[in-house]
Amino acid sequence: MIQGPNALERPSYWKEFVNKPDKKQSGYILGNEPPKLIQEAILHLCYELKDDAVALVDAIAPTDFILNSPIGKSDGQIYKNLYSAMIQGPNALERPSYWKEFVNKPVFGSKSKL
């Protein structure tokens, strides 16, 4: 079981936790509760960091490949990169399932329903 309220904040523990292939076998985690606690702690830390996310990315300066964000690329071409990402998505150029609803044209000579 993880000991202490600040167990995740200790860099040595975090390094060991991340580098061990099987955390349950190593004895760091026993039972079902610790993985939930770790997940909640990570989500809580993400919530605390969200306001500073852009500044952190700028400070760390990962490459565009690592960042993998169409609007965060360093070339400054936001709309071109966003359009490219949308076109390359799965089923981006396929018709939606409801396309026939918009194609049904009125028959000439029929009365309007208005």
PDB file of N, CA and C in Angstrom:
ATOM      1  N   MET A   1       0.844  -1.180   0.000  1.00  0.00           N
ATOM      2  CA  MET A   1       0.000   0.000   0.000  1.00  0.00           C
ATOM      3  C   MET A   1       0.881   1.233   0.000  1.00  0.00           C
ATOM      4  N   ILE A   2       0.446   2.282  -0.665  1.00  0.00           N
ATOM      5  CA  ILE A   2       1.192   3.526  -0.716  1.00  0.00           C
ATOM      6  C   ILE A   2       1.083   4.214   0.634  1.00  0.00           C
ATOM      7  N   GLN A   3       2.219   4.635   1.174  1.00  0.00           N
ATOM      8  CA  GLN A   3       2.234   5.237   2.495  1.00  0.00           C
ATOM      9  C   GLN A   3       2.358   6.747   2.392  1.00  0.00           C
ATOM     10  N   GLY A   4       1.634   7.463   3.255  1.00  0.00           N
ATOM     11  CA  GLY A   4       1.775   8.913   3.365  1.00  0.00           C
ATOM     12  C   GLY A   4       0.906   9.672   2.397  1.00  0.00           C
ATOM     13  N   PRO A   5       0.512  10.908   2.758  1.00  0.00           N
ATOM     14  CA  PRO A   5      -0.376  11.696   1.911  1.00  0.00           C
ATOM     15  C   PRO A   5       0.311  12.235   0.659  1.00  0.00           C
ATOM     16  N   ASN A   6       1.628  12.400   0.689  1.00  0.00           N
ATOM     17  CA  ASN A   6       2.330  12.980  -0.454  1.00  0.00           C
ATOM     18  C   ASN A   6       3.160  11.937  -1.192  1.00  0.00           C
ATOM     19  N   ALA A   7       2.715  10.708  -1.203  1.00  0.00           N
ATOM     20  CA  ALA A   7       3.501   9.626  -1.807  1.00  0.00           C
ATOM     21  C   ALA A   7       3.740   9.857  -3.290  1.00  0.00           C
ATOM     22  N   LEU A   8       2.760  10.434  -3.996  1.00  0.00           N
ATOM     23  CA  LEU A   8       2.938  10.660  -5.433  1.00  0.00           C
ATOM     24  C   LEU A   8       3.830  11.846  -5.722  1.00  0.00           C
ATOM     25  N   GLU A   9       4.031  12.717  -4.764  1.00  0.00           N
ATOM     26  CA  GLU A   9       4.845  13.895  -4.995  1.00  0.00           C
ATOM     27  C   GLU A   9       6.338  13.599  -4.837  1.00  0.00           C
ATOM     28  N   ARG A  10       6.696  12.459  -4.284  1.00  0.00           N
ATOM     29  CA  ARG A  10       8.096  12.106  -4.113  1.00  0.00           C
ATOM     30  C   ARG A  10       8.667  11.646  -5.452  1.00  0.00           C
ATOM     31  N   PRO A  11       9.633  12.370  -6.007  1.00  0.00           N
ATOM     32  CA  PRO A  11      10.181  12.005  -7.321  1.00  0.00           C
ATOM     33  C   PRO A  11      10.754  10.600  -7.363  1.00  0.00           C
ATOM     34  N   SER A  12      11.425  10.149  -6.296  1.00  0.00           N
ATOM     35  CA  SER A  12      12.027   8.821  -6.329  1.00  0.00           C
ATOM     36  C   SER A  12      10.942   7.742  -6.427  1.00  0.00           C
ATOM     37  N   TYR A  13       9.840   7.912  -5.706  1.00  0.00           N
ATOM     38  CA  TYR A  13       8.750   6.929  -5.794  1.00  0.00           C
ATOM     39  C   TYR A  13       8.157   6.940  -7.191  1.00  0.00           C
ATOM     40  N   TRP A  14       7.920   8.124  -7.733  1.00  0.00           N
ATOM     41  CA  TRP A  14       7.296   8.218  -9.051  1.00  0.00           C
ATOM     42  C   TRP A  14       8.182   7.572 -10.103  1.00  0.00           C
ATOM     43  N   LYS A  15       9.488   7.813 -10.028  1.00  0.00           N
ATOM     44  CA  LYS A  15      10.410   7.223 -10.991  1.00  0.00           C
ATOM     45  C   LYS A  15      10.372   5.698 -10.894  1.00  0.00           C
ATOM     46  N   GLU A  16      10.385   5.177  -9.685  1.00  0.00           N
ATOM     47  CA  GLU A  16      10.307   3.728  -9.498  1.00  0.00           C
ATOM     48  C   GLU A  16       8.979   3.182 -10.012  1.00  0.00           C
ATOM     49  N   PHE A  17       7.885   3.890  -9.731  1.00  0.00           N
ATOM     50  CA  PHE A  17       6.552   3.439 -10.143  1.00  0.00           C
ATOM     51  C   PHE A  17       6.456   3.373 -11.656  1.00  0.00           C
ATOM     52  N   VAL A  18       6.946   4.388 -12.337  1.00  0.00           N
ATOM     53  CA  VAL A  18       6.843   4.450 -13.793  1.00  0.00           C
ATOM     54  C   VAL A  18       7.753   3.421 -14.452  1.00  0.00           C
ATOM     55  N   ASN A  19       8.924   3.184 -13.890  1.00  0.00           N
ATOM     56  CA  ASN A  19       9.896   2.299 -14.532  1.00  0.00           C
ATOM     57  C   ASN A  19       9.687   0.820 -14.246  1.00  0.00           C
ATOM     58  N   LYS A  20       8.858   0.453 -13.278  1.00  0.00           N
ATOM     59  CA  LYS A  20       8.602  -0.952 -12.985  1.00  0.00           C
ATOM     60  C   LYS A  20       7.553  -1.495 -13.953  1.00  0.00           C
ATOM     61  N   PRO A  21       7.819  -2.622 -14.616  1.00  0.00           N
ATOM     62  CA  PRO A  21       6.844  -3.139 -15.578  1.00  0.00           C
ATOM     63  C   PRO A  21       5.576  -3.666 -14.926  1.00  0.00           C
ATOM     64  N   ASP A  22       5.677  -4.272 -13.770  1.00  0.00           N
ATOM     65  CA  ASP A  22       4.491  -4.816 -13.119  1.00  0.00           C
ATOM     66  C   ASP A  22       4.470  -4.321 -11.682  1.00  0.00           C
ATOM     67  N   LYS A  23       3.667  -3.301 -11.433  1.00  0.00           N
ATOM     68  CA  LYS A  23       3.637  -2.649 -10.129  1.00  0.00           C
ATOM     69  C   LYS A  23       3.108  -3.569  -9.028  1.00  0.00           C
ATOM     70  N   LYS A  24       2.187  -4.449  -9.379  1.00  0.00           N
ATOM     71  CA  LYS A  24       1.628  -5.346  -8.360  1.00  0.00           C
ATOM     72  C   LYS A  24       2.660  -6.372  -7.911  1.00  0.00           C
ATOM     73  N   GLN A  25       3.465  -6.872  -8.824  1.00  0.00           N
ATOM     74  CA  GLN A  25       4.481  -7.853  -8.456  1.00  0.00           C
ATOM     75  C   GLN A  25       5.610  -7.224  -7.651  1.00  0.00           C
ATOM     76  N   SER A  26       5.881  -5.944  -7.863  1.00  0.00           N
ATOM     77  CA  SER A  26       6.998  -5.303  -7.178  1.00  0.00           C
ATOM     78  C   SER A  26       6.683  -4.998  -5.716  1.00  0.00           C
ATOM     79  N   GLY A  27       5.420  -5.096  -5.312  1.00  0.00           N
ATOM     80  CA  GLY A  27       5.062  -4.852  -3.922  1.00  0.00           C
ATOM     81  C   GLY A  27       4.652  -3.430  -3.631  1.00  0.00           C
ATOM     82  N   TYR A  28       4.710  -2.554  -4.623  1.00  0.00           N
ATOM     83  CA  TYR A  28       4.294  -1.170  -4.410  1.00  0.00           C
ATOM     84  C   TYR A  28       2.779  -1.064  -4.259  1.00  0.00           C
ATOM     85  N   ILE A  29       2.057  -1.916  -4.964  1.00  0.00           N
ATOM     86  CA  ILE A  29       0.605  -1.824  -4.973  1.00  0.00           C
ATOM     87  C   ILE A  29       0.014  -3.162  -4.518  1.00  0.00           C
ATOM     88  N   LEU A  30      -0.837  -3.098  -3.519  1.00  0.00           N
ATOM     89  CA  LEU A  30      -1.541  -4.285  -3.052  1.00  0.00           C
ATOM     90  C   LEU A  30      -3.025  -3.968  -2.992  1.00  0.00           C
ATOM     91  N   GLY A  31      -3.841  -4.815  -3.586  1.00  0.00           N
ATOM     92  CA  GLY A  31      -5.281  -4.607  -3.559  1.00  0.00           C
ATOM     93  C   GLY A  31      -5.773  -3.766  -4.723  1.00  0.00           C
ATOM     94  N   ASN A  32      -7.081  -3.431  -4.693  1.00  0.00           N
ATOM     95  CA  ASN A  32      -7.695  -2.683  -5.783  1.00  0.00           C
ATOM     96  C   ASN A  32      -7.760  -1.186  -5.524  1.00  0.00           C
ATOM     97  N   GLU A  33      -7.615  -0.767  -4.294  1.00  0.00           N
ATOM     98  CA  GLU A  33      -7.766   0.644  -3.969  1.00  0.00           C
ATOM     99  C   GLU A  33      -6.611   1.527  -4.452  1.00  0.00           C
ATOM    100  N   PRO A  34      -5.344   1.123  -4.327  1.00  0.00           N
ATOM    101  CA  PRO A  34      -4.240   1.995  -4.754  1.00  0.00           C
ATOM    102  C   PRO A  34      -4.300   2.453  -6.212  1.00  0.00           C
ATOM    103  N   PRO A  35      -4.629   1.572  -7.185  1.00  0.00           N
ATOM    104  CA  PRO A  35      -4.725   2.082  -8.557  1.00  0.00           C
ATOM    105  C   PRO A  35      -5.775   3.188  -8.698  1.00  0.00           C
ATOM    106  N   LYS A  36      -6.893   3.065  -7.973  1.00  0.00           N
ATOM    107  CA  LYS A  36      -7.910   4.123  -8.001  1.00  0.00           C
ATOM    108  C   LYS A  36      -7.360   5.407  -7.405  1.00  0.00           C
ATOM    109  N   LEU A  37      -6.622   5.283  -6.298  1.00  0.00           N
ATOM    110  CA  LEU A  37      -6.036   6.464  -5.661  1.00  0.00           C
ATOM    111  C   LEU A  37      -5.028   7.142  -6.578  1.00  0.00           C
ATOM    112  N   ILE A  38      -4.239   6.349  -7.264  1.00  0.00           N
ATOM    113  CA  ILE A  38      -3.250   6.907  -8.192  1.00  0.00           C
ATOM    114  C   ILE A  38      -3.951   7.626  -9.334  1.00  0.00           C
ATOM    115  N   GLN A  39      -4.977   7.000  -9.888  1.00  0.00           N
ATOM    116  CA  GLN A  39      -5.709   7.621 -10.985  1.00  0.00           C
ATOM    117  C   GLN A  39      -6.360   8.921 -10.532  1.00  0.00           C
ATOM    118  N   GLU A  40      -6.964   8.925  -9.364  1.00  0.00           N
ATOM    119  CA  GLU A  40      -7.588  10.140  -8.836  1.00  0.00           C
ATOM    120  C   GLU A  40      -6.549  11.224  -8.582  1.00  0.00           C
ATOM    121  N   ALA A  41      -5.373  10.835  -8.076  1.00  0.00           N
ATOM    122  CA  ALA A  41      -4.312  11.812  -7.823  1.00  0.00           C
ATOM    123  C   ALA A  41      -3.818  12.431  -9.126  1.00  0.00           C
ATOM    124  N   ILE A  42      -3.662  11.610 -10.165  1.00  0.00           N
ATOM    125  CA  ILE A  42      -3.222  12.124 -11.466  1.00  0.00           C
ATOM    126  C   ILE A  42      -4.267  13.065 -12.044  1.00  0.00           C
ATOM    127  N   LEU A  43      -5.544  12.682 -11.965  1.00  0.00           N
ATOM    128  CA  LEU A  43      -6.609  13.554 -12.473  1.00  0.00           C
ATOM    129  C   LEU A  43      -6.667  14.864 -11.693  1.00  0.00           C
ATOM    130  N   HIS A  44      -6.452  14.790 -10.379  1.00  0.00           N
ATOM    131  CA  HIS A  44      -6.445  15.997  -9.555  1.00  0.00           C
ATOM    132  C   HIS A  44      -5.274  16.910  -9.945  1.00  0.00           C
ATOM    133  N   LEU A  45      -4.106  16.321 -10.161  1.00  0.00           N
ATOM    134  CA  LEU A  45      -2.953  17.117 -10.577  1.00  0.00           C
ATOM    135  C   LEU A  45      -3.171  17.726 -11.964  1.00  0.00           C
ATOM    136  N   CYS A  46      -3.797  16.986 -12.866  1.00  0.00           N
ATOM    137  CA  CYS A  46      -4.114  17.529 -14.193  1.00  0.00           C
ATOM    138  C   CYS A  46      -5.071  18.713 -14.071  1.00  0.00           C
ATOM    139  N   TYR A  47      -6.053  18.596 -13.178  1.00  0.00           N
ATOM    140  CA  TYR A  47      -7.003  19.691 -12.959  1.00  0.00           C
ATOM    141  C   TYR A  47      -6.274  20.930 -12.457  1.00  0.00           C
ATOM    142  N   GLU A  48      -5.311  20.725 -11.552  1.00  0.00           N
ATOM    143  CA  GLU A  48      -4.563  21.855 -11.016  1.00  0.00           C
ATOM    144  C   GLU A  48      -3.652  22.486 -12.071  1.00  0.00           C
ATOM    145  N   LEU A  49      -3.166  21.694 -13.016  1.00  0.00           N
ATOM    146  CA  LEU A  49      -2.232  22.191 -14.026  1.00  0.00           C
ATOM    147  C   LEU A  49      -2.913  22.756 -15.266  1.00  0.00           C
ATOM    148  N   LYS A  50      -4.207  22.538 -15.426  1.00  0.00           N
ATOM    149  CA  LYS A  50      -4.867  22.890 -16.686  1.00  0.00           C
ATOM    150  C   LYS A  50      -4.767  24.358 -17.044  1.00  0.00           C
ATOM    151  N   ASP A  51      -4.780  25.244 -16.053  1.00  0.00           N
ATOM    152  CA  ASP A  51      -4.687  26.683 -16.352  1.00  0.00           C
ATOM    153  C   ASP A  51      -3.298  27.067 -16.851  1.00  0.00           C
ATOM    154  N   ASP A  52      -2.303  26.284 -16.519  1.00  0.00           N
ATOM    155  CA  ASP A  52      -0.925  26.578 -16.913  1.00  0.00           C
ATOM    156  C   ASP A  52      -0.436  25.668 -18.030  1.00  0.00           C
ATOM    157  N   ALA A  53      -1.337  24.949 -18.685  1.00  0.00           N
ATOM    158  CA  ALA A  53      -0.932  23.958 -19.687  1.00  0.00           C
ATOM    159  C   ALA A  53      -0.161  24.587 -20.841  1.00  0.00           C
ATOM    160  N   VAL A  54      -0.620  25.711 -21.356  1.00  0.00           N
ATOM    161  CA  VAL A  54       0.053  26.344 -22.497  1.00  0.00           C
ATOM    162  C   VAL A  54       1.438  26.822 -22.088  1.00  0.00           C
ATOM    163  N   ALA A  55       1.550  27.445 -20.922  1.00  0.00           N
ATOM    164  CA  ALA A  55       2.856  27.915 -20.453  1.00  0.00           C
ATOM    165  C   ALA A  55       3.812  26.747 -20.219  1.00  0.00           C
ATOM    166  N   LEU A  56       3.293  25.633 -19.693  1.00  0.00           N
ATOM    167  CA  LEU A  56       4.137  24.456 -19.467  1.00  0.00           C
ATOM    168  C   LEU A  56       4.640  23.868 -20.783  1.00  0.00           C
ATOM    169  N   VAL A  57       3.761  23.803 -21.773  1.00  0.00           N
ATOM    170  CA  VAL A  57       4.176  23.287 -23.079  1.00  0.00           C
ATOM    171  C   VAL A  57       5.217  24.215 -23.689  1.00  0.00           C
ATOM    172  N   ASP A  58       5.017  25.519 -23.560  1.00  0.00           N
ATOM    173  CA  ASP A  58       6.011  26.460 -24.081  1.00  0.00           C
ATOM    174  C   ASP A  58       7.343  26.322 -23.360  1.00  0.00           C
ATOM    175  N   ALA A  59       7.304  26.089 -22.056  1.00  0.00           N
ATOM    176  CA  ALA A  59       8.537  25.961 -21.277  1.00  0.00           C
ATOM    177  C   ALA A  59       9.269  24.663 -21.597  1.00  0.00           C
ATOM    178  N   ILE A  60       8.528  23.568 -21.727  1.00  0.00           N
ATOM    179  CA  ILE A  60       9.139  22.271 -22.011  1.00  0.00           C
ATOM    180  C   ILE A  60       9.552  22.187 -23.477  1.00  0.00           C
ATOM    181  N   ALA A  61       8.774  22.818 -24.345  1.00  0.00           N
ATOM    182  CA  ALA A  61       9.031  22.898 -25.788  1.00  0.00           C
ATOM    183  C   ALA A  61       9.209  21.533 -26.454  1.00  0.00           C
ATOM    184  N   PRO A  62       8.189  20.655 -26.349  1.00  0.00           N
ATOM    185  CA  PRO A  62       8.309  19.376 -27.073  1.00  0.00           C
ATOM    186  C   PRO A  62       8.200  19.619 -28.573  1.00  0.00           C
ATOM    187  N   THR A  63       8.698  18.683 -29.351  1.00  0.00           N
ATOM    188  CA  THR A  63       8.600  18.821 -30.803  1.00  0.00           C
ATOM    189  C   THR A  63       7.146  18.680 -31.237  1.00  0.00           C
ATOM    190  N   ASP A  64       6.858  19.132 -32.454  1.00  0.00           N
ATOM    191  CA  ASP A  64       5.499  19.022 -32.985  1.00  0.00           C
ATOM    192  C   ASP A  64       5.049  17.570 -33.045  1.00  0.00           C
ATOM    193  N   PHE A  65       5.972  16.671 -33.338  1.00  0.00           N
ATOM    194  CA  PHE A  65       5.642  15.243 -33.410  1.00  0.00           C
ATOM    195  C   PHE A  65       5.193  14.731 -32.044  1.00  0.00           C
ATOM    196  N   ILE A  66       5.889  15.116 -30.995  1.00  0.00           N
ATOM    197  CA  ILE A  66       5.544  14.671 -29.644  1.00  0.00           C
ATOM    198  C   ILE A  66       4.241  15.316 -29.188  1.00  0.00           C
ATOM    199  N   LEU A  67       4.075  16.600 -29.446  1.00  0.00           N
ATOM    200  CA  LEU A  67       2.877  17.324 -29.012  1.00  0.00           C
ATOM    201  C   LEU A  67       1.635  16.792 -29.725  1.00  0.00           C
ATOM    202  N   ASN A  68       1.758  16.492 -31.019  1.00  0.00           N
ATOM    203  CA  ASN A  68       0.678  15.892 -31.806  1.00  0.00           C
ATOM    204  C   ASN A  68      -0.607  16.708 -31.706  1.00  0.00           C
ATOM    205  N   SER A  69      -0.487  18.011 -31.892  1.00  0.00           N
ATOM    206  CA  SER A  69      -1.638  18.899 -31.820  1.00  0.00           C
ATOM    207  C   SER A  69      -1.698  19.747 -33.091  1.00  0.00           C
ATOM    208  N   PRO A  70      -2.788  19.656 -33.865  1.00  0.00           N
ATOM    209  CA  PRO A  70      -2.848  20.439 -35.096  1.00  0.00           C
ATOM    210  C   PRO A  70      -2.857  21.947 -34.852  1.00  0.00           C
ATOM    211  N   ILE A  71      -3.406  22.395 -33.733  1.00  0.00           N
ATOM    212  CA  ILE A  71      -3.439  23.842 -33.488  1.00  0.00           C
ATOM    213  C   ILE A  71      -2.258  24.316 -32.643  1.00  0.00           C
ATOM    214  N   GLY A  72      -1.399  23.399 -32.218  1.00  0.00           N
ATOM    215  CA  GLY A  72      -0.257  23.776 -31.398  1.00  0.00           C
ATOM    216  C   GLY A  72       1.070  23.662 -32.118  1.00  0.00           C
ATOM    217  N   LYS A  73       1.048  23.494 -33.437  1.00  0.00           N
ATOM    218  CA  LYS A  73       2.298  23.354 -34.182  1.00  0.00           C
ATOM    219  C   LYS A  73       3.058  24.675 -34.200  1.00  0.00           C
ATOM    220  N   SER A  74       4.363  24.568 -34.326  1.00  0.00           N
ATOM    221  CA  SER A  74       5.209  25.756 -34.266  1.00  0.00           C
ATOM    222  C   SER A  74       5.236  26.558 -35.561  1.00  0.00           C
ATOM    223  N   ASP A  75       4.651  26.041 -36.640  1.00  0.00           N
ATOM    224  CA  ASP A  75       4.692  26.778 -37.909  1.00  0.00           C
ATOM    225  C   ASP A  75       3.686  27.923 -37.964  1.00  0.00           C
ATOM    226  N   GLY A  76       2.739  27.979 -37.026  1.00  0.00           N
ATOM    227  CA  GLY A  76       1.789  29.088 -36.952  1.00  0.00           C
ATOM    228  C   GLY A  76       0.626  29.004 -37.919  1.00  0.00           C
ATOM    229  N   GLN A  77       0.505  27.936 -38.674  1.00  0.00           N
ATOM    230  CA  GLN A  77      -0.578  27.797 -39.649  1.00  0.00           C
ATOM    231  C   GLN A  77      -1.706  26.984 -39.040  1.00  0.00           C
ATOM    232  N   ILE A  78      -2.428  27.622 -38.132  1.00  0.00           N
ATOM    233  CA  ILE A  78      -3.459  26.936 -37.348  1.00  0.00           C
ATOM    234  C   ILE A  78      -4.544  26.346 -38.234  1.00  0.00           C
ATOM    235  N   TYR A  79      -5.132  27.156 -39.117  1.00  0.00           N
ATOM    236  CA  TYR A  79      -6.274  26.699 -39.907  1.00  0.00           C
ATOM    237  C   TYR A  79      -5.879  25.630 -40.919  1.00  0.00           C
ATOM    238  N   LYS A  80      -4.723  25.784 -41.527  1.00  0.00           N
ATOM    239  CA  LYS A  80      -4.255  24.776 -42.485  1.00  0.00           C
ATOM    240  C   LYS A  80      -4.021  23.448 -41.771  1.00  0.00           C
ATOM    241  N   ASN A  81      -3.391  23.478 -40.604  1.00  0.00           N
ATOM    242  CA  ASN A  81      -3.124  22.247 -39.849  1.00  0.00           C
ATOM    243  C   ASN A  81      -4.409  21.620 -39.325  1.00  0.00           C
ATOM    244  N   LEU A  82      -5.351  22.435 -38.871  1.00  0.00           N
ATOM    245  CA  LEU A  82      -6.623  21.918 -38.377  1.00  0.00           C
ATOM    246  C   LEU A  82      -7.419  21.273 -39.508  1.00  0.00           C
ATOM    247  N   TYR A  83      -7.460  21.931 -40.679  1.00  0.00           N
ATOM    248  CA  TYR A  83      -8.153  21.373 -41.837  1.00  0.00           C
ATOM    249  C   TYR A  83      -7.516  20.049 -42.254  1.00  0.00           C
ATOM    250  N   SER A  84      -6.189  20.009 -42.274  1.00  0.00           N
ATOM    251  CA  SER A  84      -5.479  18.789 -42.649  1.00  0.00           C
ATOM    252  C   SER A  84      -5.797  17.651 -41.685  1.00  0.00           C
ATOM    253  N   ALA A  85      -5.837  17.945 -40.396  1.00  0.00           N
ATOM    254  CA  ALA A  85      -6.152  16.915 -39.398  1.00  0.00           C
ATOM    255  C   ALA A  85      -7.586  16.413 -39.568  1.00  0.00           C
ATOM    256  N   MET A  86      -8.519  17.323 -39.884  1.00  0.00           N
ATOM    257  CA  MET A  86      -9.917  16.910 -40.067  1.00  0.00           C
ATOM    258  C   MET A  86     -10.072  16.031 -41.299  1.00  0.00           C
ATOM    259  N   ILE A  87      -9.393  16.367 -42.384  1.00  0.00           N
ATOM    260  CA  ILE A  87      -9.504  15.598 -43.622  1.00  0.00           C
ATOM    261  C   ILE A  87      -8.892  14.206 -43.459  1.00  0.00           C
ATOM    262  N   GLN A  88      -7.848  14.097 -42.647  1.00  0.00           N
ATOM    263  CA  GLN A  88      -7.165  12.819 -42.480  1.00  0.00           C
ATOM    264  C   GLN A  88      -7.837  11.915 -41.453  1.00  0.00           C
ATOM    265  N   GLY A  89      -8.879  12.388 -40.801  1.00  0.00           N
ATOM    266  CA  GLY A  89      -9.576  11.588 -39.794  1.00  0.00           C
ATOM    267  C   GLY A  89     -10.333  10.428 -40.417  1.00  0.00           C
ATOM    268  N   PRO A  90     -10.688   9.425 -39.602  1.00  0.00           N
ATOM    269  CA  PRO A  90     -11.439   8.283 -40.130  1.00  0.00           C
ATOM    270  C   PRO A  90     -12.826   8.710 -40.607  1.00  0.00           C
ATOM    271  N   ASN A  91     -13.208   8.218 -41.770  1.00  0.00           N
ATOM    272  CA  ASN A  91     -14.515   8.504 -42.383  1.00  0.00           C
ATOM    273  C   ASN A  91     -14.736   9.989 -42.645  1.00  0.00           C
ATOM    274  N   ALA A  92     -13.666  10.760 -42.789  1.00  0.00           N
ATOM    275  CA  ALA A  92     -13.794  12.196 -42.996  1.00  0.00           C
ATOM    276  C   ALA A  92     -14.448  12.525 -44.341  1.00  0.00           C
ATOM    277  N   LEU A  93     -14.206  11.711 -45.331  1.00  0.00           N
ATOM    278  CA  LEU A  93     -14.740  11.985 -46.665  1.00  0.00           C
ATOM    279  C   LEU A  93     -15.919  11.086 -47.023  1.00  0.00           C
ATOM    280  N   GLU A  94     -16.463  10.393 -46.055  1.00  0.00           N
ATOM    281  CA  GLU A  94     -17.620   9.531 -46.266  1.00  0.00           C
ATOM    282  C   GLU A  94     -18.906  10.321 -46.053  1.00  0.00           C
ATOM    283  N   ARG A  95     -19.971   9.855 -46.672  1.00  0.00           N
ATOM    284  CA  ARG A  95     -21.275  10.479 -46.444  1.00  0.00           C
ATOM    285  C   ARG A  95     -21.793  10.099 -45.066  1.00  0.00           C
ATOM    286  N   PRO A  96     -22.446  11.031 -44.388  1.00  0.00           N
ATOM    287  CA  PRO A  96     -23.044  10.674 -43.095  1.00  0.00           C
ATOM    288  C   PRO A  96     -24.254   9.772 -43.323  1.00  0.00           C
ATOM    289  N   SER A  97     -24.655   9.056 -42.291  1.00  0.00           N
ATOM    290  CA  SER A  97     -25.761   8.103 -42.423  1.00  0.00           C
ATOM    291  C   SER A  97     -27.090   8.782 -42.752  1.00  0.00           C
ATOM    292  N   TYR A  98     -27.214  10.046 -42.433  1.00  0.00           N
ATOM    293  CA  TYR A  98     -28.483  10.766 -42.625  1.00  0.00           C
ATOM    294  C   TYR A  98     -28.511  11.582 -43.919  1.00  0.00           C
ATOM    295  N   TRP A  99     -27.608  11.337 -44.849  1.00  0.00           N
ATOM    296  CA  TRP A  99     -27.507  12.166 -46.037  1.00  0.00           C
ATOM    297  C   TRP A  99     -28.751  12.143 -46.913  1.00  0.00           C
ATOM    298  N   LYS A 100     -29.475  11.022 -46.941  1.00  0.00           N
ATOM    299  CA  LYS A 100     -30.654  10.921 -47.807  1.00  0.00           C
ATOM    300  C   LYS A 100     -31.783  11.832 -47.354  1.00  0.00           C
ATOM    301  N   GLU A 101     -31.825  12.145 -46.075  1.00  0.00           N
ATOM    302  CA  GLU A 101     -32.870  13.044 -45.570  1.00  0.00           C
ATOM    303  C   GLU A 101     -32.767  14.431 -46.198  1.00  0.00           C
ATOM    304  N   PHE A 102     -31.572  14.833 -46.563  1.00  0.00           N
ATOM    305  CA  PHE A 102     -31.366  16.161 -47.133  1.00  0.00           C
ATOM    306  C   PHE A 102     -31.417  16.161 -48.649  1.00  0.00           C
ATOM    307  N   VAL A 103     -31.379  14.985 -49.266  1.00  0.00           N
ATOM    308  CA  VAL A 103     -31.373  14.891 -50.714  1.00  0.00           C
ATOM    309  C   VAL A 103     -32.787  14.738 -51.270  1.00  0.00           C
ATOM    310  N   ASN A 104     -33.739  14.273 -50.483  1.00  0.00           N
ATOM    311  CA  ASN A 104     -35.113  14.085 -50.965  1.00  0.00           C
ATOM    312  C   ASN A 104     -35.676  15.419 -51.438  1.00  0.00           C
ATOM    313  N   LYS A 105     -35.842  15.520 -52.738  1.00  0.00           N
ATOM    314  CA  LYS A 105     -36.358  16.754 -53.335  1.00  0.00           C
ATOM    315  C   LYS A 105     -37.868  16.622 -53.540  1.00  0.00           C
ATOM    316  N   PRO A 106     -38.574  17.718 -53.445  1.00  0.00           N
ATOM    317  CA  PRO A 106     -40.031  17.628 -53.673  1.00  0.00           C
ATOM    318  C   PRO A 106     -40.342  17.290 -55.130  1.00  0.00           C
ATOM    319  N   VAL A 107     -41.428  16.582 -55.335  1.00  0.00           N
ATOM    320  CA  VAL A 107     -41.878  16.215 -56.670  1.00  0.00           C
ATOM    321  C   VAL A 107     -42.637  17.381 -57.257  1.00  0.00           C
ATOM    322  N   PHE A 108     -42.351  17.691 -58.535  1.00  0.00           N
ATOM    323  CA  PHE A 108     -43.038  18.809 -59.182  1.00  0.00           C
ATOM    324  C   PHE A 108     -44.533  18.514 -59.276  1.00  0.00           C
ATOM    325  N   GLY A 109     -45.337  19.501 -59.021  1.00  0.00           N
ATOM    326  CA  GLY A 109     -46.776  19.356 -59.074  1.00  0.00           C
ATOM    327  C   GLY A 109     -47.377  18.994 -57.733  1.00  0.00           C
ATOM    328  N   SER A 110     -46.590  18.709 -56.735  1.00  0.00           N
ATOM    329  CA  SER A 110     -47.160  18.397 -55.424  1.00  0.00           C
ATOM    330  C   SER A 110     -47.450  19.683 -54.676  1.00  0.00           C
ATOM    331  N   LYS A 111     -48.393  19.619 -53.770  1.00  0.00           N
ATOM    332  CA  LYS A 111     -48.777  20.805 -53.001  1.00  0.00           C
ATOM    333  C   LYS A 111     -47.853  20.964 -51.810  1.00  0.00           C
ATOM    334  N   SER A 112     -47.635  22.195 -51.474  1.00  0.00           N
ATOM    335  CA  SER A 112     -46.790  22.508 -50.329  1.00  0.00           C
ATOM    336  C   SER A 112     -47.515  22.140 -49.047  1.00  0.00           C
ATOM    337  N   LYS A 113     -46.768  21.722 -48.019  1.00  0.00           N
ATOM    338  CA  LYS A 113     -47.367  21.369 -46.743  1.00  0.00           C
ATOM    339  C   LYS A 113     -47.533  22.569 -45.847  1.00  0.00           C
ATOM    340  N   LEU A 114     -47.172  23.748 -46.325  1.00  0.00           N
ATOM    341  CA  LEU A 114     -47.299  24.952 -45.494  1.00  0.00           C
ATOM    342  C   LEU A 114     -48.678  25.447 -45.451  1.00  0.00           C
TER     343      LEU A 114
END
